[in-house]
Amino acid sequence: MGQKIAATMSSMGTPAVFLHPVEAAHGDMGIFMKGDVVIMLSQSGETEEVINILPALGRLNIPIIAITGKKNSSLAKSSVCVLSSSVKEEACPLNLAPTCSTTVQLALGDALSVVLLKMKNFKKEDFAMLHPGGSLGKKLVLKVKDIMHTGESVPKINKGAVLKDGLLAMTEGRFGCVAVTGENGKLAGIFTDGDLRRLLEKQANPFMLKMSEVMVKNPKIISEGELVIKALGIMEEKSITVLLVLSKDGRPNGIIHLHDILKSGVV
């Protein structure tokens, strides 16, 4: 329980470590620094290992917050704050093994963690900084520019080219689409393998049509500074698997595929 509470606090911006009372009594109290507070857990409030280190904590002027089921216990009397974990009875059929009481202690630890989070004005961005390896953190910090394909890997074709050449560019790119650009290199539209299937249903031999005639104008796009999780949201909403990434001057300088997002670990 103590380990879980310490981990929760640390993840929410309040540095905390777990210290077993036996180890504390044999030198590990050197971890304490001025300004520290100790949260001590003992349902009876009379646990021998806990009681034995109370005098030492007093000499170090370390304030104690007690989470205990006995408000009149030795631990409670030595604490500046007492949080009651008292329960009517344990879930254990014998009413012996700590079950309900441990759940209450964990809940109180979580409550303290949340209060500290609010007092510190801890934000999502702060949370992400402390969780760089997990999907929670990646959702908050991983940007499109971190995983998008750039340069020659972005399939492009001029709108004046014919569909036959556009299909070659699309095949080489292996994204199932090709960005269609104007004479100035800015994005004019997009053509996908889905567009090809729909076109073939209408025309048997459309391969000499110009890209400007078959492209889809105003395709869904995203900027490189947006979060990857936003790109995923657009793909899910529009039932598409790729997004073109535009530069500030409107040129397609990147592309992001659904597979890239899945590999990134944000979901």
C-alpha atoms as a PDB file:
ATOM      1  CA  MET A   1       0.000   0.000   0.000  1.00  0.00           C
ATOM      2  CA  GLY A   2       2.762   2.389   0.921  1.00  0.00           C
ATOM      3  CA  GLN A   3       4.580   1.636  -2.329  1.00  0.00           C
ATOM      4  CA  LYS A   4       1.448   2.308  -4.352  1.00  0.00           C
ATOM      5  CA  ILE A   5       0.728   5.596  -2.586  1.00  0.00           C
ATOM      6  CA  ALA A   6       4.336   6.741  -3.062  1.00  0.00           C
ATOM      7  CA  ALA A   7       4.213   5.827  -6.756  1.00  0.00           C
ATOM      8  CA  THR A   8       0.932   7.687  -7.257  1.00  0.00           C
ATOM      9  CA  MET A   9       2.241  10.821  -5.576  1.00  0.00           C
ATOM     10  CA  SER A  10       5.453  10.774  -7.603  1.00  0.00           C
ATOM     11  CA  SER A  11       3.510  10.383 -10.849  1.00  0.00           C
ATOM     12  CA  MET A  12       1.435  13.419  -9.893  1.00  0.00           C
ATOM     13  CA  GLY A  13       4.384  15.692  -9.226  1.00  0.00           C
ATOM     14  CA  THR A  14       5.004  15.130  -5.517  1.00  0.00           C
ATOM     15  CA  PRO A  15       8.306  13.252  -5.002  1.00  0.00           C
ATOM     16  CA  ALA A  16       7.726  10.330  -2.644  1.00  0.00           C
ATOM     17  CA  VAL A  17       9.497   7.103  -1.710  1.00  0.00           C
ATOM     18  CA  PHE A  18       8.447   4.028   0.212  1.00  0.00           C
ATOM     19  CA  LEU A  19      10.447   3.200   3.336  1.00  0.00           C
ATOM     20  CA  HIS A  20       9.883   0.086   5.419  1.00  0.00           C
ATOM     21  CA  PRO A  21       9.991   0.867   9.169  1.00  0.00           C
ATOM     22  CA  VAL A  22      12.515  -1.922   9.842  1.00  0.00           C
ATOM     23  CA  GLU A  23      14.899  -0.504   7.245  1.00  0.00           C
ATOM     24  CA  ALA A  24      14.291   2.978   8.620  1.00  0.00           C
ATOM     25  CA  ALA A  25      15.407   1.793  12.063  1.00  0.00           C
ATOM     26  CA  HIS A  26      18.695   0.543  10.649  1.00  0.00           C
ATOM     27  CA  GLY A  27      20.072   3.560   8.848  1.00  0.00           C
ATOM     28  CA  ASP A  28      17.683   4.341   6.022  1.00  0.00           C
ATOM     29  CA  MET A  29      16.250   7.309   7.899  1.00  0.00           C
ATOM     30  CA  GLY A  30      19.142   9.175   6.338  1.00  0.00           C
ATOM     31  CA  ILE A  31      16.865   9.625   3.347  1.00  0.00           C
ATOM     32  CA  PHE A  32      14.870  12.283   5.196  1.00  0.00           C
ATOM     33  CA  MET A  33      15.479  15.944   4.431  1.00  0.00           C
ATOM     34  CA  LYS A  34      14.295  19.184   5.968  1.00  0.00           C
ATOM     35  CA  GLY A  35      10.724  19.876   4.937  1.00  0.00           C
ATOM     36  CA  ASP A  36       9.786  16.221   4.465  1.00  0.00           C
ATOM     37  CA  VAL A  37       6.567  14.738   5.809  1.00  0.00           C
ATOM     38  CA  VAL A  38       6.018  11.070   6.664  1.00  0.00           C
ATOM     39  CA  ILE A  39       2.772   9.253   5.969  1.00  0.00           C
ATOM     40  CA  MET A  40       2.611   6.222   8.249  1.00  0.00           C
ATOM     41  CA  LEU A  41       0.161   3.368   7.771  1.00  0.00           C
ATOM     42  CA  SER A  42      -0.844   1.082  10.617  1.00  0.00           C
ATOM     43  CA  GLN A  43      -4.393  -0.104  11.117  1.00  0.00           C
ATOM     44  CA  SER A  44      -3.862  -0.797  14.801  1.00  0.00           C
ATOM     45  CA  GLY A  45      -1.610   2.193  15.307  1.00  0.00           C
ATOM     46  CA  GLU A  46       0.495   0.004  17.569  1.00  0.00           C
ATOM     47  CA  THR A  47       2.624  -1.902  15.049  1.00  0.00           C
ATOM     48  CA  GLU A  48       5.918  -2.478  16.859  1.00  0.00           C
ATOM     49  CA  GLU A  49       8.192  -1.578  13.930  1.00  0.00           C
ATOM     50  CA  VAL A  50       6.287   1.676  13.432  1.00  0.00           C
ATOM     51  CA  ILE A  51       6.189   2.651  17.097  1.00  0.00           C
ATOM     52  CA  ASN A  52       9.925   2.029  17.484  1.00  0.00           C
ATOM     53  CA  ILE A  53      10.888   4.794  15.050  1.00  0.00           C
ATOM     54  CA  LEU A  54       8.474   7.457  16.345  1.00  0.00           C
ATOM     55  CA  PRO A  55      11.013   8.945  18.816  1.00  0.00           C
ATOM     56  CA  ALA A  56      13.648   9.217  16.087  1.00  0.00           C
ATOM     57  CA  LEU A  57      11.215  10.993  13.777  1.00  0.00           C
ATOM     58  CA  GLY A  58      10.423  13.379  16.611  1.00  0.00           C
ATOM     59  CA  ARG A  59      14.102  14.196  17.086  1.00  0.00           C
ATOM     60  CA  LEU A  60      14.376  14.925  13.364  1.00  0.00           C
ATOM     61  CA  ASN A  61      11.310  17.205  13.527  1.00  0.00           C
ATOM     62  CA  ILE A  62       9.604  15.194  10.785  1.00  0.00           C
ATOM     63  CA  PRO A  63       5.811  15.752  10.851  1.00  0.00           C
ATOM     64  CA  ILE A  64       3.728  12.574  10.687  1.00  0.00           C
ATOM     65  CA  ILE A  65       0.423  12.021   8.936  1.00  0.00           C
ATOM     66  CA  ALA A  66      -1.131   8.848  10.309  1.00  0.00           C
ATOM     67  CA  ILE A  67      -3.506   6.614   8.393  1.00  0.00           C
ATOM     68  CA  THR A  68      -4.845   4.320  11.080  1.00  0.00           C
ATOM     69  CA  GLY A  69      -8.003   2.668  12.298  1.00  0.00           C
ATOM     70  CA  LYS A  70      -7.396   3.651  15.926  1.00  0.00           C
ATOM     71  CA  LYS A  71      -7.639   7.362  16.702  1.00  0.00           C
ATOM     72  CA  ASN A  72      -6.313   6.898  20.237  1.00  0.00           C
ATOM     73  CA  SER A  73      -3.334   4.748  19.265  1.00  0.00           C
ATOM     74  CA  SER A  74       0.309   5.577  19.927  1.00  0.00           C
ATOM     75  CA  LEU A  75       0.779   6.416  16.255  1.00  0.00           C
ATOM     76  CA  ALA A  76      -2.200   8.764  16.240  1.00  0.00           C
ATOM     77  CA  LYS A  77      -0.985  10.563  19.359  1.00  0.00           C
ATOM     78  CA  SER A  78       2.416  11.169  17.758  1.00  0.00           C
ATOM     79  CA  SER A  79       0.977  12.592  14.537  1.00  0.00           C
ATOM     80  CA  VAL A  80       0.078  16.104  13.459  1.00  0.00           C
ATOM     81  CA  CYS A  81      -2.781  14.754  11.355  1.00  0.00           C
ATOM     82  CA  VAL A  82      -4.800  11.553  11.664  1.00  0.00           C
ATOM     83  CA  LEU A  83      -6.820  10.070   8.801  1.00  0.00           C
ATOM     84  CA  SER A  84      -9.132   7.314   9.946  1.00  0.00           C
ATOM     85  CA  SER A  85      -9.134   4.015   8.075  1.00  0.00           C
ATOM     86  CA  SER A  86     -11.517   2.465  10.564  1.00  0.00           C
ATOM     87  CA  VAL A  87     -14.013  -0.050   9.176  1.00  0.00           C
ATOM     88  CA  LYS A  88     -16.947  -1.837  10.785  1.00  0.00           C
ATOM     89  CA  GLU A  89     -15.550  -5.198   9.753  1.00  0.00           C
ATOM     90  CA  GLU A  90     -13.164  -6.720   7.241  1.00  0.00           C
ATOM     91  CA  ALA A  91     -14.308  -8.550   4.125  1.00  0.00           C
ATOM     92  CA  CYS A  92     -12.408 -11.568   5.378  1.00  0.00           C
ATOM     93  CA  PRO A  93     -14.966 -14.132   6.718  1.00  0.00           C
ATOM     94  CA  LEU A  94     -12.845 -14.392   9.858  1.00  0.00           C
ATOM     95  CA  ASN A  95     -12.732 -10.595  10.191  1.00  0.00           C
ATOM     96  CA  LEU A  96      -8.973 -10.911  10.585  1.00  0.00           C
ATOM     97  CA  ALA A  97      -7.117 -10.383   7.302  1.00  0.00           C
ATOM     98  CA  PRO A  98      -6.863  -6.694   6.319  1.00  0.00           C
ATOM     99  CA  THR A  99      -9.194  -6.299   3.335  1.00  0.00           C
ATOM    100  CA  CYS A 100     -11.670  -3.446   3.660  1.00  0.00           C
ATOM    101  CA  SER A 101      -9.234  -1.465   5.799  1.00  0.00           C
ATOM    102  CA  THR A 102      -6.454  -1.698   3.214  1.00  0.00           C
ATOM    103  CA  THR A 103      -8.856  -0.477   0.539  1.00  0.00           C
ATOM    104  CA  VAL A 104      -9.696   2.530   2.707  1.00  0.00           C
ATOM    105  CA  GLN A 105      -5.996   3.253   3.258  1.00  0.00           C
ATOM    106  CA  LEU A 106      -5.336   3.195  -0.486  1.00  0.00           C
ATOM    107  CA  ALA A 107      -8.297   5.491  -1.098  1.00  0.00           C
ATOM    108  CA  LEU A 108      -6.984   7.957   1.477  1.00  0.00           C
ATOM    109  CA  GLY A 109      -3.553   7.851  -0.151  1.00  0.00           C
ATOM    110  CA  ASP A 110      -5.100   8.582  -3.543  1.00  0.00           C
ATOM    111  CA  ALA A 111      -7.100  11.437  -2.028  1.00  0.00           C
ATOM    112  CA  LEU A 112      -3.932  13.001  -0.613  1.00  0.00           C
ATOM    113  CA  SER A 113      -2.245  12.641  -4.005  1.00  0.00           C
ATOM    114  CA  VAL A 114      -5.100  14.422  -5.767  1.00  0.00           C
ATOM    115  CA  VAL A 115      -5.155  17.246  -3.215  1.00  0.00           C
ATOM    116  CA  LEU A 116      -1.427  17.801  -3.706  1.00  0.00           C
ATOM    117  CA  LEU A 117      -1.891  17.725  -7.480  1.00  0.00           C
ATOM    118  CA  LYS A 118      -4.464  20.506  -7.259  1.00  0.00           C
ATOM    119  CA  MET A 119      -2.358  22.550  -4.844  1.00  0.00           C
ATOM    120  CA  LYS A 120       0.606  22.348  -7.226  1.00  0.00           C
ATOM    121  CA  ASN A 121      -1.587  23.245 -10.219  1.00  0.00           C
ATOM    122  CA  PHE A 122      -0.285  20.091 -11.899  1.00  0.00           C
ATOM    123  CA  LYS A 123      -1.267  20.032 -15.606  1.00  0.00           C
ATOM    124  CA  LYS A 124      -1.604  17.385 -18.303  1.00  0.00           C
ATOM    125  CA  GLU A 125       1.680  18.572 -19.772  1.00  0.00           C
ATOM    126  CA  ASP A 126       3.398  17.994 -16.426  1.00  0.00           C
ATOM    127  CA  PHE A 127       1.907  14.518 -16.228  1.00  0.00           C
ATOM    128  CA  ALA A 128       3.187  13.722 -19.714  1.00  0.00           C
ATOM    129  CA  MET A 129       6.709  14.829 -18.801  1.00  0.00           C
ATOM    130  CA  LEU A 130       6.750  12.233 -16.026  1.00  0.00           C
ATOM    131  CA  HIS A 131       5.360   9.438 -18.236  1.00  0.00           C
ATOM    132  CA  PRO A 132       7.528   9.462 -21.386  1.00  0.00           C
ATOM    133  CA  GLY A 133       7.434   5.709 -21.875  1.00  0.00           C
ATOM    134  CA  GLY A 134       3.739   4.962 -21.548  1.00  0.00           C
ATOM    135  CA  SER A 135       0.752   5.492 -23.808  1.00  0.00           C
ATOM    136  CA  LEU A 136      -0.657   8.056 -21.371  1.00  0.00           C
ATOM    137  CA  GLY A 137       2.344  10.306 -21.806  1.00  0.00           C
ATOM    138  CA  LYS A 138       2.618   9.746 -25.539  1.00  0.00           C
ATOM    139  CA  LYS A 139      -0.964  10.854 -26.058  1.00  0.00           C
ATOM    140  CA  LEU A 140      -0.056  14.175 -24.496  1.00  0.00           C
ATOM    141  CA  VAL A 141       3.354  14.864 -26.035  1.00  0.00           C
ATOM    142  CA  LEU A 142       3.928  12.815 -29.209  1.00  0.00           C
ATOM    143  CA  LYS A 143       3.497  15.056 -32.240  1.00  0.00           C
ATOM    144  CA  VAL A 144       2.920  14.328 -35.900  1.00  0.00           C
ATOM    145  CA  LYS A 145       6.416  15.562 -36.799  1.00  0.00           C
ATOM    146  CA  ASP A 146       7.883  12.877 -34.531  1.00  0.00           C
ATOM    147  CA  ILE A 147       6.586   9.965 -36.619  1.00  0.00           C
ATOM    148  CA  MET A 148       5.629  11.345 -40.051  1.00  0.00           C
ATOM    149  CA  HIS A 149       7.376  10.360 -43.287  1.00  0.00           C
ATOM    150  CA  THR A 150       9.148  13.187 -45.096  1.00  0.00           C
ATOM    151  CA  GLY A 151      11.217  13.988 -48.172  1.00  0.00           C
ATOM    152  CA  GLU A 152      11.239  11.554 -51.076  1.00  0.00           C
ATOM    153  CA  SER A 153       9.032   9.113 -49.185  1.00  0.00           C
ATOM    154  CA  VAL A 154       6.038  11.432 -49.671  1.00  0.00           C
ATOM    155  CA  PRO A 155       4.341  10.421 -52.975  1.00  0.00           C
ATOM    156  CA  LYS A 156       3.636  13.496 -55.118  1.00  0.00           C
ATOM    157  CA  ILE A 157       2.493  14.202 -58.658  1.00  0.00           C
ATOM    158  CA  ASN A 158       1.794  17.420 -60.542  1.00  0.00           C
ATOM    159  CA  LYS A 159      -1.851  18.041 -61.347  1.00  0.00           C
ATOM    160  CA  GLY A 160      -0.946  18.336 -65.029  1.00  0.00           C
ATOM    161  CA  ALA A 161       0.359  14.757 -65.157  1.00  0.00           C
ATOM    162  CA  VAL A 162      -1.834  11.891 -66.335  1.00  0.00           C
ATOM    163  CA  LEU A 163      -3.388   9.315 -64.025  1.00  0.00           C
ATOM    164  CA  LYS A 164      -1.062   6.584 -65.318  1.00  0.00           C
ATOM    165  CA  ASP A 165       1.945   8.453 -63.918  1.00  0.00           C
ATOM    166  CA  GLY A 166       0.045   9.253 -60.753  1.00  0.00           C
ATOM    167  CA  LEU A 167      -0.594   5.558 -60.150  1.00  0.00           C
ATOM    168  CA  LEU A 168       3.108   4.810 -60.565  1.00  0.00           C
ATOM    169  CA  ALA A 169       3.932   7.448 -57.947  1.00  0.00           C
ATOM    170  CA  MET A 170       1.247   6.057 -55.649  1.00  0.00           C
ATOM    171  CA  THR A 171       2.583   2.514 -56.035  1.00  0.00           C
ATOM    172  CA  GLU A 172       6.153   3.586 -55.292  1.00  0.00           C
ATOM    173  CA  GLY A 173       5.012   5.485 -52.202  1.00  0.00           C
ATOM    174  CA  ARG A 174       3.171   2.473 -50.739  1.00  0.00           C
ATOM    175  CA  PHE A 175       0.721   4.629 -48.804  1.00  0.00           C
ATOM    176  CA  GLY A 176      -2.273   3.982 -51.028  1.00  0.00           C
ATOM    177  CA  CYS A 177      -2.419   7.618 -52.106  1.00  0.00           C
ATOM    178  CA  VAL A 178      -0.565  10.372 -53.909  1.00  0.00           C
ATOM    179  CA  ALA A 179      -0.493  14.094 -53.143  1.00  0.00           C
ATOM    180  CA  VAL A 180      -1.417  16.210 -56.153  1.00  0.00           C
ATOM    181  CA  THR A 181       0.419  19.530 -56.365  1.00  0.00           C
ATOM    182  CA  GLY A 182       0.075  22.690 -58.413  1.00  0.00           C
ATOM    183  CA  GLU A 183       2.793  24.427 -60.390  1.00  0.00           C
ATOM    184  CA  ASN A 184       3.939  26.206 -57.224  1.00  0.00           C
ATOM    185  CA  GLY A 185       4.337  22.930 -55.354  1.00  0.00           C
ATOM    186  CA  LYS A 186       1.407  23.634 -53.070  1.00  0.00           C
ATOM    187  CA  LEU A 187      -1.195  20.975 -52.360  1.00  0.00           C
ATOM    188  CA  ALA A 188      -4.020  20.905 -54.891  1.00  0.00           C
ATOM    189  CA  GLY A 189      -5.653  17.609 -53.981  1.00  0.00           C
ATOM    190  CA  ILE A 190      -5.198  13.917 -53.313  1.00  0.00           C
ATOM    191  CA  PHE A 191      -5.868  10.678 -55.155  1.00  0.00           C
ATOM    192  CA  THR A 192      -6.240   7.376 -53.312  1.00  0.00           C
ATOM    193  CA  ASP A 193      -6.664   3.727 -54.197  1.00  0.00           C
ATOM    194  CA  GLY A 194     -10.295   4.095 -53.140  1.00  0.00           C
ATOM    195  CA  ASP A 195     -10.730   6.920 -55.632  1.00  0.00           C
ATOM    196  CA  LEU A 196      -9.262   4.642 -58.314  1.00  0.00           C
ATOM    197  CA  ARG A 197     -11.778   1.880 -57.600  1.00  0.00           C
ATOM    198  CA  ARG A 198     -14.663   4.314 -57.762  1.00  0.00           C
ATOM    199  CA  LEU A 199     -13.316   5.816 -60.995  1.00  0.00           C
ATOM    200  CA  LEU A 200     -12.989   2.399 -62.665  1.00  0.00           C
ATOM    201  CA  GLU A 201     -16.636   1.719 -61.908  1.00  0.00           C
ATOM    202  CA  LYS A 202     -17.477   4.690 -64.132  1.00  0.00           C
ATOM    203  CA  GLN A 203     -14.759   4.529 -66.787  1.00  0.00           C
ATOM    204  CA  ALA A 204     -13.012   1.491 -68.218  1.00  0.00           C
ATOM    205  CA  ASN A 205      -9.868   3.324 -69.318  1.00  0.00           C
ATOM    206  CA  PRO A 206      -9.281   6.554 -67.338  1.00  0.00           C
ATOM    207  CA  PHE A 207      -5.494   6.313 -67.269  1.00  0.00           C
ATOM    208  CA  MET A 208      -4.813   9.221 -69.625  1.00  0.00           C
ATOM    209  CA  LEU A 209      -6.991  11.649 -67.695  1.00  0.00           C
ATOM    210  CA  LYS A 210      -5.132  14.457 -65.991  1.00  0.00           C
ATOM    211  CA  MET A 211      -4.715  14.328 -62.243  1.00  0.00           C
ATOM    212  CA  SER A 212      -6.565  17.632 -61.975  1.00  0.00           C
ATOM    213  CA  GLU A 213      -9.627  15.850 -63.394  1.00  0.00           C
ATOM    214  CA  VAL A 214      -9.618  12.893 -61.015  1.00  0.00           C
ATOM    215  CA  MET A 215      -8.129  14.258 -57.789  1.00  0.00           C
ATOM    216  CA  VAL A 216     -10.162  15.015 -54.683  1.00  0.00           C
ATOM    217  CA  LYS A 217      -9.878  18.662 -53.763  1.00  0.00           C
ATOM    218  CA  ASN A 218      -9.579  19.922 -50.180  1.00  0.00           C
ATOM    219  CA  PRO A 219      -8.358  16.649 -48.646  1.00  0.00           C
ATOM    220  CA  LYS A 220      -8.077  16.155 -44.913  1.00  0.00           C
ATOM    221  CA  ILE A 221      -4.728  17.442 -43.697  1.00  0.00           C
ATOM    222  CA  ILE A 222      -2.850  18.081 -40.483  1.00  0.00           C
ATOM    223  CA  SER A 223       0.103  20.213 -39.426  1.00  0.00           C
ATOM    224  CA  GLU A 224       3.298  18.704 -38.081  1.00  0.00           C
ATOM    225  CA  GLY A 225       2.882  20.445 -34.736  1.00  0.00           C
ATOM    226  CA  GLU A 226      -0.392  18.700 -33.905  1.00  0.00           C
ATOM    227  CA  LEU A 227      -0.551  15.758 -31.523  1.00  0.00           C
ATOM    228  CA  VAL A 228      -0.571  12.270 -33.001  1.00  0.00           C
ATOM    229  CA  ILE A 229      -3.702  11.472 -31.015  1.00  0.00           C
ATOM    230  CA  LYS A 230      -5.490  14.258 -32.917  1.00  0.00           C
ATOM    231  CA  ALA A 231      -4.425  12.724 -36.226  1.00  0.00           C
ATOM    232  CA  LEU A 232      -5.883   9.425 -35.062  1.00  0.00           C
ATOM    233  CA  GLY A 233      -9.143  11.158 -34.182  1.00  0.00           C
ATOM    234  CA  ILE A 234      -9.423  12.632 -37.679  1.00  0.00           C
ATOM    235  CA  MET A 235      -8.746   9.246 -39.264  1.00  0.00           C
ATOM    236  CA  GLU A 236     -11.388   7.551 -37.134  1.00  0.00           C
ATOM    237  CA  GLU A 237     -13.954  10.275 -37.781  1.00  0.00           C
ATOM    238  CA  LYS A 238     -13.430  10.308 -41.556  1.00  0.00           C
ATOM    239  CA  SER A 239     -12.731   6.563 -41.955  1.00  0.00           C
ATOM    240  CA  ILE A 240      -9.369   7.163 -43.631  1.00  0.00           C
ATOM    241  CA  THR A 241      -5.910   5.709 -43.045  1.00  0.00           C
ATOM    242  CA  VAL A 242      -3.571   8.509 -44.168  1.00  0.00           C
ATOM    243  CA  LEU A 243      -3.193  12.233 -43.634  1.00  0.00           C
ATOM    244  CA  LEU A 244      -1.020  14.627 -45.589  1.00  0.00           C
ATOM    245  CA  VAL A 245       1.095  16.964 -43.488  1.00  0.00           C
ATOM    246  CA  LEU A 246       1.372  20.503 -44.806  1.00  0.00           C
ATOM    247  CA  SER A 247       4.102  23.049 -44.280  1.00  0.00           C
ATOM    248  CA  LYS A 248       3.213  26.626 -43.374  1.00  0.00           C
ATOM    249  CA  ASP A 249       3.261  27.601 -47.053  1.00  0.00           C
ATOM    250  CA  GLY A 250       0.835  24.826 -48.011  1.00  0.00           C
ATOM    251  CA  ARG A 251       3.261  22.274 -49.428  1.00  0.00           C
ATOM    252  CA  PRO A 252       2.838  18.557 -48.652  1.00  0.00           C
ATOM    253  CA  ASN A 253       6.084  17.915 -46.792  1.00  0.00           C
ATOM    254  CA  GLY A 254       4.971  14.848 -44.879  1.00  0.00           C
ATOM    255  CA  ILE A 255       2.533  11.985 -44.607  1.00  0.00           C
ATOM    256  CA  ILE A 256       1.317   9.938 -41.656  1.00  0.00           C
ATOM    257  CA  HIS A 257      -0.326   6.523 -41.880  1.00  0.00           C
ATOM    258  CA  LEU A 258      -2.549   4.747 -39.387  1.00  0.00           C
ATOM    259  CA  HIS A 259       0.119   2.056 -39.061  1.00  0.00           C
ATOM    260  CA  ASP A 260       2.622   4.702 -37.936  1.00  0.00           C
ATOM    261  CA  ILE A 261       0.253   5.758 -35.166  1.00  0.00           C
ATOM    262  CA  LEU A 262      -0.330   2.205 -33.994  1.00  0.00           C
ATOM    263  CA  LYS A 263       3.417   1.529 -33.937  1.00  0.00           C
ATOM    264  CA  SER A 264       4.032   4.701 -31.915  1.00  0.00           C
ATOM    265  CA  GLY A 265       2.221   3.252 -28.909  1.00  0.00           C
ATOM    266  CA  VAL A 266      -0.287   6.046 -28.303  1.00  0.00           C
ATOM    267  CA  VAL A 267      -3.083   3.456 -28.337  1.00  0.00           C
END
